[in-house]
Amino acid sequence: MISNTATPIYYGQFRDAVLRLEIPVCKEIAMQMNRIDKRIDNPRYYYNDHAIQGFVKFCETELTLVDGSDFWMLDSFKLWAEDLYSWYYFVEKSVWCPTQDGKGRYVRRKVRIRLTRKQFLIVARGAAKSMYMSCIQNYELLINRATTDQIVVAPTMRQAEQTLGPIRTAITKARGPIYKFLTEGNLQNTSGSRANRQKLASTKKGIENFLTNSIVRILPMSIDKLQGLSCYVATVDEWLSGDVKEDPIGAIEQGASKLDDYIIIAVSSEGTVRNGPGDTIKMELMKILKDEYQADHVSIWWYKLDDIKEVNDPAMWVKANPNIIALDKFEEYERDKQRAEANPSARNDILAKRFGLPMEGYTYFFTYEEIKCHPRRDFWSMPCALGADMSQGDDFCAFTFLFPLSDFTFGVKVRSYITSRTLYALPLAMRSKYNEFLDEGSLIVMEGSVLDMMQIYEDLDQHIIDSGYEVNALGFDPYNAREFVERWERENSPFGIVKVPQGAKTESVPLGELKKLAEDRKLLFDESLMNFCMGNCITMEDTNGNRKLLKMRREQKIDNVAALMDAYIAYKANKDQFE
């Protein structure tokens, strides 16, 4: 039955259990529930219980687990699939209708369109998420009468096979009537009766349905392989993996969007690397959950603990893994918790993959909480210290303004420069992030392949004038800085200029003090570029315990944090100028 007032069957059961406090949920799941509640109240959207019931019946009748045992649908699978399949809206379209004279004409009719086209599942390891993707691929391959191109995307072939494995087993076992019909006959029979030909088979290409000429095939998580495809169904596994350098989901959607009813299922456990495409996607998902912009075609089920303290409370683990009870995973989780306590090197991976906590694979200097941007603020006509970290290559030529405020709090503004050559050489996902910096005005692109320091000087000088900043001190890393500093000295006086050589001996104390300021949320920055640079910082300790600022990879820029440290040192050396 199609209704624009009905409460979804499985969501209704889930919501009641949550309201009865039988199932604890994290704030992200609560926000998704709010989205569904609003959808129920919206007369534009219709719920179809037959769609989800048909899906459940097919899966429980036809599918087989890899070990050959019968498959029974988990409650979470019903919840997710209902959100994917059971919501529709109607639009008027011109539809070609044949007439009795053998011709036809276009007429205006209301057409039903499935609402959800993309579904994101962030769920802990051990939640059977690969089986859910297998259910979707299975259903569309066998039930859809159209010719479909379906792809399974994962970082490795082994991970991709976890989705295809149950389909191959189902072909061998042929449990239900549909599988029995499609697997009868001989695959080699290509010229005889079609009735005697096997219609569904695992081949070198993938899994093929010869009745509809549809196929499920494996593709690597490579942008070059994914762009330009017009696939009907795509399941993407572990898109938050640290090995993923670009956005595979965006690349798939570019081609799939040519179709009206495409399906993209993106499933992953939490990642352990910052500032990759996964973090960008998560930021967008959070905006959708908060209703900062409308994206009703996107379904988001984001499971995680709300606080690291909940790791010690097994009753809360269902927040990260909704299937932990059904799959009897408590002992497995307890072992991993104990391993995390005993083995610090495994701690971050376990907290991320088992409990959905966004931990880092490396020991990053600033935490996620510390790098969150503050509300926007201007510092017109206020005194500041300027830090400079010069570059002529791929790194930022970075400048950070530090404004001493009351209560030992500091305002922070940044301005950095790169060449057009550097910008054009960026991969697609990173280009998108840089465009964000360009839009907010924190990053400036200079034409050419080498930065002209005098051109930068003049642009920065004008920026200081336009912003009304009163620069009372300049701290600089001497590398590549001579020409800039000499001109600054000529035009602004030699007072307040501090040379800051790089090295653990010089950096350790100011880094520690900046860390404390960040912990107390007393570094008031409001630009994404600063968030990006802070998120990339790691430190290395020498034998005396002194720390030096580093980055793990070339693309993980930290230059504005280095400039922040230079500005802080210059401020401390010239405190009398700020009193």
Protein backbone atom coordinates (compact mmCIF):
# COMPACT_ATOMS: atom_id res chain seq x y z
CA MET A 1 0.00 0.00 0.00
CA ILE A 2 1.28 3.47 -0.92
CA SER A 3 0.53 6.14 1.65
CA ASN A 4 1.78 9.64 2.48
CA THR A 5 0.72 9.31 6.11
CA ALA A 6 1.86 5.83 7.14
CA THR A 7 4.76 5.16 9.52
CA PRO A 8 7.33 2.76 8.03
CA ILE A 9 7.04 -0.73 9.51
CA TYR A 10 10.64 -1.39 10.53
CA TYR A 11 11.51 2.20 11.32
CA GLY A 12 8.41 2.40 13.52
CA GLN A 13 9.53 -0.69 15.45
CA PHE A 14 13.04 0.72 15.80
CA ARG A 15 11.81 4.14 16.93
CA ASP A 16 9.52 2.60 19.55
CA ALA A 17 12.41 0.56 20.94
CA VAL A 18 14.59 3.67 21.12
CA LEU A 19 11.86 5.65 22.88
CA ARG A 20 11.43 2.79 25.37
CA LEU A 21 15.20 3.07 26.03
CA GLU A 22 15.70 -0.52 24.88
CA ILE A 23 18.17 0.53 22.18
CA PRO A 24 20.69 3.32 22.89
CA VAL A 25 21.61 5.41 19.86
CA CYS A 26 24.29 8.00 19.15
CA LYS A 27 23.47 11.59 18.27
CA GLU A 28 24.02 10.95 14.53
CA ILE A 29 21.42 8.17 14.46
CA ALA A 30 19.07 10.40 16.44
CA MET A 31 19.48 13.09 13.78
CA GLN A 32 18.69 10.58 11.01
CA MET A 33 15.55 9.59 12.94
CA ASN A 34 14.53 13.24 13.03
CA ARG A 35 14.95 13.36 9.24
CA ILE A 36 12.69 10.34 8.79
CA ASP A 37 10.08 11.76 11.17
CA LYS A 38 9.96 14.94 9.08
CA ARG A 39 9.63 12.82 5.93
CA ILE A 40 6.65 10.99 7.44
CA ASP A 41 4.98 14.35 8.10
CA ASN A 42 5.70 15.62 4.58
CA PRO A 43 2.67 14.98 2.31
CA ARG A 44 4.94 15.07 -0.75
CA TYR A 45 6.59 11.74 0.15
CA TYR A 46 4.86 8.35 0.00
CA TYR A 47 5.72 5.12 1.80
CA ASN A 48 5.25 1.76 0.07
CA ASP A 49 5.29 -1.24 2.43
CA HIS A 50 5.18 -3.70 -0.50
CA ALA A 51 8.64 -2.55 -1.65
CA ILE A 52 10.40 -3.51 1.58
CA GLN A 53 8.33 -6.62 2.16
CA GLY A 54 9.18 -7.87 -1.33
CA PHE A 55 12.87 -7.26 -0.70
CA VAL A 56 12.82 -9.09 2.64
CA LYS A 57 10.88 -12.04 1.19
CA PHE A 58 13.29 -12.38 -1.74
CA CYS A 59 16.39 -12.30 0.48
CA GLU A 60 15.09 -14.76 3.04
CA THR A 61 13.79 -17.14 0.37
CA GLU A 62 16.68 -17.04 -2.08
CA LEU A 63 19.94 -16.04 -0.43
CA THR A 64 22.61 -18.16 1.19
CA LEU A 65 25.50 -17.34 3.49
CA VAL A 66 29.03 -18.11 2.33
CA ASP A 67 29.16 -21.20 4.56
CA GLY A 68 26.06 -22.56 2.79
CA SER A 69 23.58 -21.91 5.62
CA ASP A 70 20.25 -20.19 5.04
CA PHE A 71 20.10 -16.43 5.28
CA TRP A 72 17.76 -14.55 7.63
CA MET A 73 17.46 -10.81 7.50
CA LEU A 74 18.86 -8.80 10.41
CA ASP A 75 16.65 -6.04 11.83
CA SER A 76 19.23 -3.43 10.85
CA PHE A 77 19.19 -4.67 7.23
CA LYS A 78 15.39 -4.25 7.15
CA LEU A 79 15.74 -0.74 8.59
CA TRP A 80 18.37 0.32 6.05
CA ALA A 81 16.65 -1.31 3.07
CA GLU A 82 13.31 0.21 4.02
CA ASP A 83 14.94 3.64 3.99
CA LEU A 84 16.35 2.84 0.55
CA TYR A 85 13.44 1.16 -1.23
CA SER A 86 10.16 2.24 0.36
CA TRP A 87 10.04 6.01 -0.14
CA TYR A 88 8.67 7.64 -3.30
CA TYR A 89 7.45 10.92 -4.73
CA PHE A 90 5.44 11.76 -7.84
CA VAL A 91 6.30 14.10 -10.71
CA GLU A 92 4.55 14.92 -13.95
CA LYS A 93 6.41 13.77 -17.03
CA SER A 94 5.79 13.35 -20.74
CA VAL A 95 5.36 9.61 -21.31
CA TRP A 96 5.20 7.87 -24.70
CA CYS A 97 1.96 5.92 -25.01
CA PRO A 98 1.25 3.55 -27.94
CA THR A 99 -2.10 3.96 -29.68
CA GLN A 100 -4.38 1.37 -31.32
CA ASP A 101 -3.26 2.36 -34.80
CA GLY A 102 0.24 1.17 -33.99
CA LYS A 103 1.63 4.66 -33.52
CA GLY A 104 1.72 6.62 -30.34
CA ARG A 105 1.94 10.01 -28.70
CA TYR A 106 3.38 11.75 -25.66
CA VAL A 107 0.98 12.36 -22.77
CA ARG A 108 1.47 14.05 -19.38
CA ARG A 109 1.27 11.59 -16.53
CA LYS A 110 2.27 11.36 -12.91
CA VAL A 111 5.29 9.13 -12.55
CA ARG A 112 6.44 7.49 -9.32
CA ILE A 113 10.14 7.97 -8.53
CA ARG A 114 12.14 6.30 -5.75
CA LEU A 115 13.33 8.95 -3.31
CA THR A 116 16.59 7.49 -2.01
CA ARG A 117 19.46 7.18 -4.47
CA LYS A 118 22.45 7.26 -2.11
CA GLN A 119 22.90 5.51 1.19
CA PHE A 120 25.83 5.95 3.55
CA LEU A 121 26.47 3.42 6.30
CA ILE A 122 29.27 4.10 8.77
CA VAL A 123 29.19 1.10 11.06
CA ALA A 124 31.68 -0.84 13.14
CA ARG A 125 33.64 -3.84 11.99
CA GLY A 126 31.77 -7.12 12.56
CA ALA A 127 28.32 -5.77 11.65
CA ALA A 128 27.91 -7.96 8.51
CA LYS A 129 27.85 -4.86 6.31
CA SER A 130 29.29 -6.80 3.32
CA MET A 131 26.30 -9.15 3.49
CA TYR A 132 23.94 -6.17 3.32
CA MET A 133 25.66 -4.97 0.14
CA SER A 134 25.39 -8.50 -1.24
CA CYS A 135 21.63 -8.44 -0.58
CA ILE A 136 21.25 -5.24 -2.62
CA GLN A 137 23.37 -6.53 -5.52
CA ASN A 138 21.55 -9.86 -5.47
CA TYR A 139 18.11 -8.33 -5.51
CA GLU A 140 18.78 -5.91 -8.33
CA LEU A 141 20.55 -8.51 -10.48
CA LEU A 142 17.71 -11.03 -10.27
CA ILE A 143 14.53 -8.97 -9.84
CA ASN A 144 15.16 -5.99 -12.09
CA ARG A 145 13.95 -6.82 -15.61
CA ALA A 146 16.04 -4.08 -17.21
CA THR A 147 19.64 -4.55 -18.32
CA THR A 148 21.78 -3.26 -15.47
CA ASP A 149 25.48 -2.61 -14.98
CA GLN A 150 26.29 -3.22 -11.31
CA ILE A 151 29.69 -2.68 -9.72
CA VAL A 152 31.34 -3.67 -6.46
CA VAL A 153 34.11 -1.27 -5.44
CA ALA A 154 36.57 -1.89 -2.61
CA PRO A 155 40.18 -1.07 -1.75
CA THR A 156 41.20 -4.72 -2.35
CA MET A 157 39.92 -7.72 -4.32
CA ARG A 158 39.55 -9.66 -1.06
CA GLN A 159 37.16 -7.05 0.34
CA ALA A 160 35.17 -6.99 -2.90
CA GLU A 161 34.83 -10.77 -2.82
CA GLN A 162 33.08 -10.50 0.57
CA THR A 163 30.18 -8.94 -1.33
CA LEU A 164 30.24 -11.36 -4.26
CA GLY A 165 30.88 -14.52 -2.18
CA PRO A 166 27.27 -15.00 -0.99
CA ILE A 167 26.01 -14.62 -4.58
CA ARG A 168 28.39 -17.30 -5.84
CA THR A 169 27.29 -19.60 -3.00
CA ALA A 170 23.62 -18.94 -3.77
CA ILE A 171 24.25 -19.93 -7.40
CA THR A 172 25.81 -23.21 -6.28
CA LYS A 173 23.15 -24.04 -3.71
CA ALA A 174 20.11 -22.64 -5.60
CA ARG A 175 17.97 -22.51 -2.49
CA GLY A 176 14.93 -20.56 -3.72
CA PRO A 177 12.69 -20.87 -6.80
CA ILE A 178 14.23 -17.90 -8.65
CA TYR A 179 17.77 -19.20 -8.23
CA LYS A 180 16.65 -22.71 -9.18
CA PHE A 181 15.08 -21.43 -12.39
CA LEU A 182 18.04 -19.24 -13.36
CA THR A 183 20.69 -21.89 -12.68
CA GLU A 184 19.00 -24.79 -14.49
CA GLY A 185 20.54 -25.88 -17.76
CA ASN A 186 23.99 -25.87 -19.28
CA LEU A 187 26.15 -22.75 -19.46
CA GLN A 188 27.82 -24.10 -22.60
CA ASN A 189 24.49 -24.31 -24.45
CA THR A 190 24.65 -21.17 -26.60
CA SER A 191 23.03 -22.37 -29.80
CA GLY A 192 20.31 -24.76 -28.63
CA SER A 193 17.06 -24.08 -26.84
CA ARG A 194 17.24 -21.05 -24.55
CA ALA A 195 15.16 -22.98 -22.04
CA ASN A 196 18.07 -25.39 -21.61
CA ARG A 197 20.67 -22.68 -21.07
CA GLN A 198 21.86 -21.64 -17.62
CA LYS A 199 20.73 -18.06 -17.19
CA LEU A 200 22.79 -17.00 -14.15
CA ALA A 201 26.43 -17.83 -13.69
CA SER A 202 29.72 -16.74 -12.17
CA THR A 203 32.09 -15.97 -15.05
CA LYS A 204 35.47 -14.33 -15.55
CA LYS A 205 33.70 -11.01 -16.06
CA GLY A 206 31.73 -11.23 -12.82
CA ILE A 207 28.26 -12.61 -12.12
CA GLU A 208 26.07 -12.48 -15.22
CA ASN A 209 22.33 -12.71 -15.71
CA PHE A 210 22.02 -13.84 -19.34
CA LEU A 211 18.25 -13.43 -19.24
CA THR A 212 18.55 -9.63 -18.87
CA ASN A 213 22.19 -9.22 -19.98
CA SER A 214 22.93 -7.70 -16.56
CA ILE A 215 26.21 -8.11 -14.71
CA VAL A 216 27.77 -7.53 -11.29
CA ARG A 217 31.49 -6.92 -11.60
CA ILE A 218 34.39 -5.86 -9.41
CA LEU A 219 36.24 -2.61 -9.98
CA PRO A 220 39.24 -1.20 -8.09
CA MET A 221 38.86 1.96 -6.02
CA SER A 222 40.55 4.06 -8.70
CA ILE A 223 39.11 7.31 -10.02
CA ASP A 224 40.38 6.56 -13.52
CA LYS A 225 38.40 3.29 -13.56
CA LEU A 226 35.22 4.74 -12.04
CA GLN A 227 34.73 8.00 -13.94
CA GLY A 228 32.32 7.97 -16.86
CA LEU A 229 30.47 4.78 -15.85
CA SER A 230 26.68 4.69 -16.15
CA CYS A 231 26.15 2.00 -13.54
CA TYR A 232 22.73 1.33 -12.08
CA VAL A 233 23.93 -0.11 -8.77
CA ALA A 234 27.25 0.58 -7.05
CA THR A 235 28.31 -0.68 -3.64
CA VAL A 236 31.43 0.95 -2.26
CA ASP A 237 33.19 -0.75 0.63
CA GLU A 238 35.60 0.87 3.13
CA TRP A 239 35.59 4.33 1.52
CA LEU A 240 37.10 5.70 4.74
CA SER A 241 40.21 3.59 4.25
CA GLY A 242 43.51 5.40 4.64
CA ASP A 243 44.58 4.16 1.22
CA VAL A 244 41.79 6.06 -0.56
CA LYS A 245 43.27 9.30 -1.96
CA GLU A 246 40.27 10.56 -3.97
CA ASP A 247 36.49 10.46 -3.70
CA PRO A 248 35.26 7.24 -5.38
CA ILE A 249 31.61 7.96 -4.55
CA GLY A 250 31.64 11.31 -6.32
CA ALA A 251 33.31 9.75 -9.37
CA ILE A 252 30.65 7.00 -9.55
CA GLU A 253 27.77 9.46 -9.11
CA GLN A 254 28.97 11.62 -12.02
CA GLY A 255 28.18 8.77 -14.40
CA ALA A 256 25.27 7.21 -12.50
CA SER A 257 23.36 10.51 -12.35
CA LYS A 258 22.54 10.04 -16.06
CA LEU A 259 20.03 7.43 -14.82
CA ASP A 260 16.87 8.38 -12.94
CA ASP A 261 16.87 5.56 -10.41
CA TYR A 262 20.51 4.71 -9.67
CA ILE A 263 21.57 3.25 -6.33
CA ILE A 264 24.86 3.96 -4.57
CA ILE A 265 25.50 2.18 -1.26
CA ALA A 266 28.65 3.43 0.50
CA VAL A 267 29.58 1.34 3.53
CA SER A 268 32.61 1.68 5.79
CA SER A 269 33.92 1.45 9.29
CA GLU A 270 35.46 4.62 10.71
CA GLY A 271 38.83 5.70 9.27
CA THR A 272 42.17 6.52 10.87
CA VAL A 273 43.55 9.16 8.49
CA ARG A 274 42.71 12.85 8.47
CA ASN A 275 41.99 15.29 5.69
CA GLY A 276 41.34 12.63 3.07
CA PRO A 277 38.25 12.57 0.88
CA GLY A 278 36.48 10.56 3.58
CA ASP A 279 36.67 13.46 6.03
CA THR A 280 35.24 15.80 3.39
CA ILE A 281 32.33 13.41 2.79
CA LYS A 282 31.68 13.08 6.54
CA MET A 283 31.52 16.86 6.89
CA GLU A 284 28.91 16.97 4.13
CA LEU A 285 26.93 14.14 5.75
CA MET A 286 26.93 15.99 9.06
CA LYS A 287 25.54 19.11 7.37
CA ILE A 288 22.74 16.99 5.90
CA LEU A 289 21.98 15.42 9.29
CA LYS A 290 21.84 18.87 10.87
CA ASP A 291 19.45 20.02 8.10
CA GLU A 292 21.88 22.74 7.05
CA TYR A 293 20.90 21.89 3.51
CA GLN A 294 18.28 19.64 1.91
CA ALA A 295 19.31 16.26 0.53
CA ASP A 296 16.28 14.00 0.91
CA HIS A 297 17.69 11.55 -1.63
CA VAL A 298 20.53 10.67 0.78
CA SER A 299 20.08 8.09 3.54
CA ILE A 300 22.63 8.25 6.38
CA TRP A 301 23.10 5.65 9.13
CA TRP A 302 26.15 6.65 11.15
CA TYR A 303 26.83 4.38 14.12
CA LYS A 304 29.39 5.31 16.77
CA LEU A 305 29.96 5.80 20.45
CA ASP A 306 29.29 9.34 21.63
CA ASP A 307 32.26 9.38 23.99
CA ILE A 308 35.43 7.35 24.49
CA LYS A 309 34.28 6.64 28.07
CA GLU A 310 31.53 4.41 26.60
CA VAL A 311 34.19 1.91 25.49
CA ASN A 312 34.10 0.63 29.08
CA ASP A 313 30.31 0.16 29.02
CA PRO A 314 29.23 -2.90 26.97
CA ALA A 315 25.61 -1.73 27.10
CA MET A 316 26.62 1.19 24.86
CA TRP A 317 28.45 -0.86 22.23
CA VAL A 318 25.25 -1.29 20.24
CA LYS A 319 25.60 2.41 19.35
CA ALA A 320 28.58 1.46 17.17
CA ASN A 321 27.40 -1.97 16.03
CA PRO A 322 23.61 -2.41 15.82
CA ASN A 323 24.09 -6.14 15.14
CA ILE A 324 26.35 -6.90 18.09
CA ILE A 325 23.59 -8.83 19.92
CA ALA A 326 22.18 -10.66 16.90
CA LEU A 327 25.65 -11.74 15.76
CA ASP A 328 26.89 -12.45 19.32
CA LYS A 329 29.97 -10.23 19.02
CA PHE A 330 30.40 -9.17 22.68
CA GLU A 331 33.29 -11.54 23.45
CA GLU A 332 35.08 -10.47 20.27
CA TYR A 333 34.66 -6.80 21.22
CA GLU A 334 35.85 -7.46 24.79
CA ARG A 335 39.01 -9.14 23.48
CA ASP A 336 39.72 -6.18 21.22
CA LYS A 337 39.11 -3.73 24.07
CA GLN A 338 41.65 -5.58 26.22
CA ARG A 339 44.11 -5.67 23.32
CA ALA A 340 43.75 -1.89 22.89
CA GLU A 341 44.57 -1.40 26.58
CA ALA A 342 47.59 -3.72 26.43
CA ASN A 343 48.90 -2.68 23.01
CA PRO A 344 49.02 1.10 22.35
CA SER A 345 49.98 0.55 18.69
CA ALA A 346 46.64 -1.19 18.08
CA ARG A 347 44.56 1.25 20.15
CA ASN A 348 43.64 3.79 17.48
CA ASP A 349 42.65 1.17 14.92
CA ILE A 350 40.44 -0.69 17.41
CA LEU A 351 38.74 2.45 18.71
CA ALA A 352 37.99 3.54 15.14
CA LYS A 353 37.02 0.21 13.58
CA ARG A 354 35.17 -1.35 16.52
CA PHE A 355 33.66 1.67 18.27
CA GLY A 356 33.33 4.26 15.50
CA LEU A 357 35.50 6.80 17.27
CA PRO A 358 37.41 8.96 14.75
CA MET A 359 40.94 8.18 15.88
CA GLU A 360 44.11 8.76 13.92
CA GLY A 361 46.45 6.12 12.67
CA TYR A 362 49.40 8.31 13.66
CA THR A 363 49.84 10.38 16.79
CA TYR A 364 48.56 13.70 15.50
CA PHE A 365 49.51 16.74 17.52
CA PHE A 366 46.03 18.30 17.69
CA THR A 367 42.86 16.33 18.40
CA TYR A 368 39.65 16.52 16.35
CA GLU A 369 38.06 18.72 19.02
CA GLU A 370 41.00 21.11 19.01
CA ILE A 371 40.92 21.72 15.26
CA LYS A 372 37.22 22.60 14.99
CA CYS A 373 36.72 26.10 13.58
CA HIS A 374 35.33 28.82 15.82
CA PRO A 375 32.56 31.28 14.87
CA ARG A 376 33.68 33.89 12.35
CA ARG A 377 35.26 37.02 13.82
CA ASP A 378 37.13 40.07 12.52
CA PHE A 379 40.08 41.81 14.16
CA TRP A 380 39.91 45.27 12.60
CA SER A 381 42.52 47.76 13.91
CA MET A 382 43.85 45.24 16.41
CA PRO A 383 47.58 44.68 17.09
CA CYS A 384 49.02 41.35 15.99
CA ALA A 385 52.18 39.35 15.44
CA LEU A 386 52.82 38.01 11.94
CA GLY A 387 54.43 34.61 11.33
CA ALA A 388 56.00 33.76 7.96
CA ASP A 389 56.91 30.35 6.54
CA MET A 390 58.19 30.86 2.99
CA SER A 391 58.11 28.50 0.05
CA GLN A 392 58.63 28.64 -3.68
CA GLY A 393 57.65 25.03 -4.41
CA ASP A 394 54.60 22.87 -3.74
CA ASP A 395 54.17 23.95 -0.12
CA PHE A 396 52.20 27.00 0.96
CA CYS A 397 54.00 30.30 1.28
CA ALA A 398 52.23 30.77 4.57
CA PHE A 399 51.46 33.77 6.77
CA THR A 400 49.59 33.59 10.06
CA PHE A 401 48.35 36.61 12.04
CA LEU A 402 48.16 36.17 15.83
CA PHE A 403 46.01 38.66 17.79
CA PRO A 404 46.52 38.73 21.59
CA LEU A 405 43.12 39.09 23.27
CA SER A 406 41.98 39.10 26.87
CA ASP A 407 42.30 36.08 29.19
CA PHE A 408 45.37 34.79 27.30
CA THR A 409 43.21 34.04 24.25
CA PHE A 410 44.45 34.58 20.70
CA GLY A 411 42.68 35.36 17.46
CA VAL A 412 44.14 33.67 14.37
CA LYS A 413 43.89 34.60 10.69
CA VAL A 414 45.81 33.10 7.78
CA ARG A 415 46.83 33.98 4.25
CA SER A 416 48.80 31.60 2.04
CA TYR A 417 50.05 31.51 -1.53
CA ILE A 418 50.58 28.80 -4.15
CA THR A 419 51.34 28.79 -7.86
CA SER A 420 48.77 28.04 -10.55
CA ARG A 421 50.97 25.12 -11.58
CA THR A 422 50.62 23.58 -8.10
CA LEU A 423 46.84 24.04 -8.14
CA TYR A 424 46.34 22.45 -11.57
CA ALA A 425 48.50 19.45 -10.63
CA LEU A 426 46.30 18.55 -7.65
CA PRO A 427 44.15 15.38 -7.70
CA LEU A 428 40.41 15.98 -8.02
CA ALA A 429 39.52 15.45 -4.34
CA MET A 430 42.29 17.72 -3.08
CA ARG A 431 41.41 20.33 -5.71
CA SER A 432 37.94 20.50 -4.15
CA LYS A 433 39.45 21.19 -0.73
CA TYR A 434 41.75 23.89 -2.14
CA ASN A 435 38.76 25.50 -3.84
CA GLU A 436 37.22 25.83 -0.37
CA PHE A 437 40.30 27.75 0.76
CA LEU A 438 40.15 29.95 -2.33
CA ASP A 439 36.48 30.73 -1.71
CA GLU A 440 37.10 31.83 1.88
CA GLY A 441 40.03 34.03 0.77
CA SER A 442 42.68 32.28 2.87
CA LEU A 443 44.54 30.93 -0.17
CA ILE A 444 45.78 33.04 -3.10
CA VAL A 445 46.92 31.60 -6.44
CA MET A 446 49.81 33.28 -8.25
CA GLU A 447 50.25 32.62 -11.95
CA GLY A 448 53.28 30.60 -13.02
CA SER A 449 55.36 27.78 -11.60
CA VAL A 450 57.53 29.75 -9.11
CA LEU A 451 56.31 32.20 -6.47
CA ASP A 452 57.56 35.80 -6.78
CA MET A 453 58.31 36.97 -3.24
CA MET A 454 57.97 40.65 -4.09
CA GLN A 455 54.59 40.05 -5.66
CA ILE A 456 53.56 38.19 -2.51
CA TYR A 457 54.93 41.02 -0.34
CA GLU A 458 52.81 43.60 -2.17
CA ASP A 459 49.64 41.47 -2.01
CA LEU A 460 50.14 40.75 1.69
CA ASP A 461 50.89 44.41 2.43
CA GLN A 462 47.65 45.45 0.72
CA HIS A 463 45.77 42.75 2.61
CA ILE A 464 47.11 44.09 5.92
CA ILE A 465 45.98 47.61 4.96
CA ASP A 466 42.53 46.42 3.78
CA SER A 467 42.03 44.38 6.98
CA GLY A 468 43.19 47.16 9.26
CA TYR A 469 45.77 44.96 11.00
CA GLU A 470 48.45 46.57 13.16
CA VAL A 471 51.51 44.30 12.82
CA ASN A 472 53.83 44.87 15.79
CA ALA A 473 56.11 41.85 15.39
CA LEU A 474 57.33 39.51 12.64
CA GLY A 475 58.59 35.98 13.25
CA PHE A 476 60.06 34.11 10.30
CA ASP A 477 61.73 30.88 9.31
CA PRO A 478 64.95 32.02 7.57
CA TYR A 479 64.57 29.57 4.67
CA ASN A 480 63.89 31.56 1.48
CA ALA A 481 62.98 34.63 3.56
CA ARG A 482 65.90 37.03 3.01
CA GLU A 483 64.38 39.18 0.23
CA PHE A 484 61.00 39.45 1.99
CA VAL A 485 62.45 40.29 5.41
CA GLU A 486 64.90 42.88 4.03
CA ARG A 487 62.05 44.75 2.37
CA TRP A 488 59.91 44.46 5.50
CA GLU A 489 62.74 45.94 7.54
CA ARG A 490 63.19 48.84 5.10
CA GLU A 491 59.50 49.70 5.02
CA ASN A 492 58.44 48.91 8.59
CA SER A 493 61.60 49.31 10.75
CA PRO A 494 63.88 46.57 12.14
CA PHE A 495 62.11 46.47 15.50
CA GLY A 496 60.03 43.44 16.40
CA ILE A 497 61.66 41.12 13.83
CA VAL A 498 62.56 37.66 15.18
CA LYS A 499 64.36 34.90 13.28
CA VAL A 500 62.98 31.45 14.19
CA PRO A 501 65.24 28.62 12.95
CA GLN A 502 63.50 25.26 12.57
CA GLY A 503 64.44 22.44 14.92
CA ALA A 504 63.28 20.60 18.02
CA LYS A 505 65.30 22.83 20.35
CA THR A 506 63.56 25.98 19.06
CA GLU A 507 60.09 24.55 18.49
CA SER A 508 59.43 22.36 21.52
CA VAL A 509 58.41 24.96 24.12
CA PRO A 510 56.19 27.13 21.88
CA LEU A 511 54.57 24.00 20.43
CA GLY A 512 53.70 22.82 23.92
CA GLU A 513 52.19 26.20 24.78
CA LEU A 514 50.19 26.32 21.54
CA LYS A 515 48.94 22.80 22.25
CA LYS A 516 47.68 23.94 25.67
CA LEU A 517 45.92 26.92 24.07
CA ALA A 518 44.26 24.62 21.54
CA GLU A 519 43.14 22.23 24.29
CA ASP A 520 41.49 25.14 26.12
CA ARG A 521 39.94 26.38 22.83
CA LYS A 522 41.83 29.66 23.15
CA LEU A 523 43.16 29.72 19.57
CA LEU A 524 40.24 31.43 17.84
CA PHE A 525 40.59 30.50 14.16
CA ASP A 526 37.64 30.47 11.76
CA GLU A 527 39.17 29.44 8.42
CA SER A 528 39.18 25.97 6.88
CA LEU A 529 42.79 26.37 5.79
CA MET A 530 43.91 26.57 9.42
CA ASN A 531 41.74 23.61 10.31
CA PHE A 532 43.39 21.68 7.46
CA CYS A 533 46.95 22.52 8.52
CA MET A 534 46.34 21.82 12.21
CA GLY A 535 44.75 18.50 11.31
CA ASN A 536 47.91 17.43 9.44
CA CYS A 537 50.42 18.14 12.23
CA ILE A 538 52.41 15.39 13.87
CA THR A 539 55.48 15.82 16.04
CA MET A 540 58.75 13.96 16.49
CA GLU A 541 60.69 13.87 19.76
CA ASP A 542 64.49 13.85 20.03
CA THR A 543 66.42 12.01 22.75
CA ASN A 544 65.95 14.96 25.13
CA GLY A 545 62.16 14.96 24.73
CA ASN A 546 62.10 18.07 22.52
CA ARG A 547 59.36 18.08 19.86
CA LYS A 548 59.60 19.12 16.23
CA LEU A 549 56.69 19.84 13.90
CA LEU A 550 56.28 17.37 10.99
CA LYS A 551 53.81 16.07 8.41
CA MET A 552 53.35 12.46 7.27
CA ARG A 553 52.91 13.04 3.55
CA ARG A 554 53.70 15.77 1.08
CA GLU A 555 50.06 16.69 0.47
CA GLN A 556 49.42 17.15 4.21
CA LYS A 557 50.36 20.81 4.50
CA ILE A 558 51.28 22.22 7.91
CA ASP A 559 52.81 25.54 6.81
CA ASN A 560 50.32 27.85 8.51
CA VAL A 561 50.87 26.07 11.83
CA ALA A 562 54.62 26.61 11.37
CA ALA A 563 53.84 30.27 10.67
CA LEU A 564 51.59 30.34 13.77
CA MET A 565 54.51 29.14 15.87
CA ASP A 566 56.75 31.83 14.34
CA ALA A 567 54.14 34.48 15.15
CA TYR A 568 53.80 33.20 18.72
CA ILE A 569 57.56 33.31 19.31
CA ALA A 570 57.71 36.85 17.87
CA TYR A 571 54.82 37.90 20.15
CA LYS A 572 56.55 36.55 23.26
CA ALA A 573 59.79 38.30 22.33
CA ASN A 574 57.97 41.61 21.88
CA LYS A 575 55.25 41.54 24.55
CA ASP A 576 55.91 45.16 25.44
CA GLN A 577 54.60 46.15 21.99
CA PHE A 578 51.19 44.68 22.88
CA GLU A 579 50.63 46.24 26.29
